Amino acid sequence: MSIFTSRNPAGTAALELGLITAGIVGSMADAHAAGKQAAEERAEKRAAYVYACELAEARGRADDLGRVAMRAVRHVASLEAEVRRLRVALQQRQAFIDRQRGVA
């Protein structure tokens, strides 16, 4: 039925306009929902990307800190060896001094 074949053309026109408006509103609501969902997906992807970047950076820093720690451990070990060597030398010199005092 159209406005040209109806007994109430204004009512039919209003009904058709209402149906068209409802269709447009429905399409706009669907488009809005799809846009919102796409925005949420982009936000999730961005958050995952940021997390992956921060994780990679943290792993890199952890590797660097591990290397620094290994160097520090080796340095401490070399210092401990030097301290042992100096203590042995000191004991030898003190023993020599004690022997010299005992002789004199």
Protein backbone atom coordinates (compact mmCIF):
# COMPACT_ATOMS: atom_id res chain seq x y z
CA MET A 1 0.00 0.00 0.00
CA SER A 2 1.30 3.46 -0.78
CA ILE A 3 0.13 6.96 -0.07
CA PHE A 4 -1.41 7.09 -3.55
CA THR A 5 -3.69 4.06 -3.05
CA SER A 6 -4.61 4.64 0.57
CA ARG A 7 -7.72 6.25 2.01
CA ASN A 8 -5.45 7.97 4.58
CA PRO A 9 -2.37 9.15 2.65
CA ALA A 10 -0.96 11.21 5.55
CA GLY A 11 -1.15 8.27 7.94
CA THR A 12 0.45 5.95 5.40
CA ALA A 13 3.21 8.48 4.71
CA ALA A 14 3.82 8.86 8.45
CA LEU A 15 3.93 5.08 8.86
CA GLU A 16 6.36 4.68 5.96
CA LEU A 17 8.51 7.50 7.29
CA GLY A 18 8.48 5.84 10.73
CA LEU A 19 9.54 2.51 9.22
CA ILE A 20 12.32 4.17 7.22
CA THR A 21 13.45 6.05 10.34
CA ALA A 22 13.41 2.84 12.38
CA GLY A 23 15.51 1.14 9.71
CA ILE A 24 18.00 4.00 9.67
CA VAL A 25 18.16 4.08 13.47
CA GLY A 26 18.70 0.32 13.56
CA SER A 27 21.50 0.59 11.01
CA MET A 28 23.10 3.45 12.94
CA ALA A 29 22.87 1.48 16.19
CA ASP A 30 24.49 -1.53 14.52
CA ALA A 31 27.22 0.69 13.06
CA HIS A 32 27.79 2.29 16.46
CA ALA A 33 28.04 -1.11 18.15
CA ALA A 34 30.45 -2.34 15.47
CA GLY A 35 32.56 0.80 15.87
CA LYS A 36 32.63 0.40 19.63
CA GLN A 37 33.65 -3.24 19.32
CA ALA A 38 36.38 -2.34 16.83
CA ALA A 39 37.66 0.37 19.20
CA GLU A 40 37.73 -2.12 22.08
CA GLU A 41 39.61 -4.64 19.95
CA ARG A 42 42.14 -1.98 18.95
CA ALA A 43 42.57 -1.00 22.60
CA GLU A 44 43.13 -4.65 23.55
CA LYS A 45 45.64 -5.11 20.73
CA ARG A 46 47.43 -1.92 21.76
CA ALA A 47 47.54 -3.03 25.40
CA ALA A 48 48.92 -6.42 24.34
CA TYR A 49 51.53 -4.70 22.17
CA VAL A 50 52.56 -2.36 24.99
CA TYR A 51 52.78 -5.33 27.38
CA ALA A 52 54.91 -7.28 24.89
CA CYS A 53 57.23 -4.29 24.41
CA GLU A 54 57.60 -3.75 28.15
CA LEU A 55 58.20 -7.46 28.69
CA ALA A 56 60.91 -7.54 26.02
CA GLU A 57 62.51 -4.45 27.53
CA ALA A 58 62.40 -5.97 31.02
CA ARG A 59 63.97 -9.18 29.73
CA GLY A 60 66.72 -7.14 28.10
CA ARG A 61 67.36 -5.29 31.35
CA ALA A 62 67.33 -8.59 33.24
CA ASP A 63 69.92 -9.99 30.84
CA ASP A 64 72.05 -6.88 31.30
CA LEU A 65 71.74 -7.10 35.08
CA GLY A 66 72.63 -10.79 34.93
CA ARG A 67 75.81 -9.97 33.02
CA VAL A 68 76.66 -7.20 35.50
CA ALA A 69 76.08 -9.61 38.39
CA MET A 70 78.33 -12.24 36.82
CA ARG A 71 81.10 -9.66 36.33
CA ALA A 72 80.66 -8.52 39.93
CA VAL A 73 80.90 -12.11 41.21
CA ARG A 74 84.09 -12.68 39.19
CA HIS A 75 85.52 -9.40 40.48
CA VAL A 76 84.69 -10.30 44.09
CA ALA A 77 86.29 -13.72 43.60
CA SER A 78 89.46 -12.11 42.25
CA LEU A 79 89.50 -9.67 45.18
CA GLU A 80 89.09 -12.54 47.65
CA ALA A 81 92.00 -14.35 46.00
CA GLU A 82 94.12 -11.20 46.28
CA VAL A 83 93.18 -10.83 49.96
CA ARG A 84 94.24 -14.46 50.58
CA ARG A 85 97.54 -13.85 48.78
CA LEU A 86 98.17 -10.67 50.80
CA ARG A 87 97.35 -12.45 54.08
CA VAL A 88 99.81 -15.23 53.26
CA ALA A 89 102.48 -12.64 52.39
CA LEU A 90 101.72 -10.74 55.61
CA GLN A 91 101.99 -13.92 57.69
CA GLN A 92 105.32 -14.75 56.05
CA ARG A 93 106.69 -11.27 56.72
CA GLN A 94 105.41 -11.29 60.28
CA ALA A 95 107.02 -14.69 60.84
CA PHE A 96 110.30 -13.31 59.46
CA ILE A 97 110.05 -10.24 61.72
CA ASP A 98 109.29 -12.45 64.72
CA ARG A 99 112.32 -14.65 63.92
CA GLN A 100 114.55 -11.60 63.56
CA ARG A 101 113.41 -10.23 66.91
CA GLY A 102 114.00 -13.58 68.55
CA VAL A 103 117.56 -13.68 67.24
CA ALA A 104 118.45 -10.16 68.24
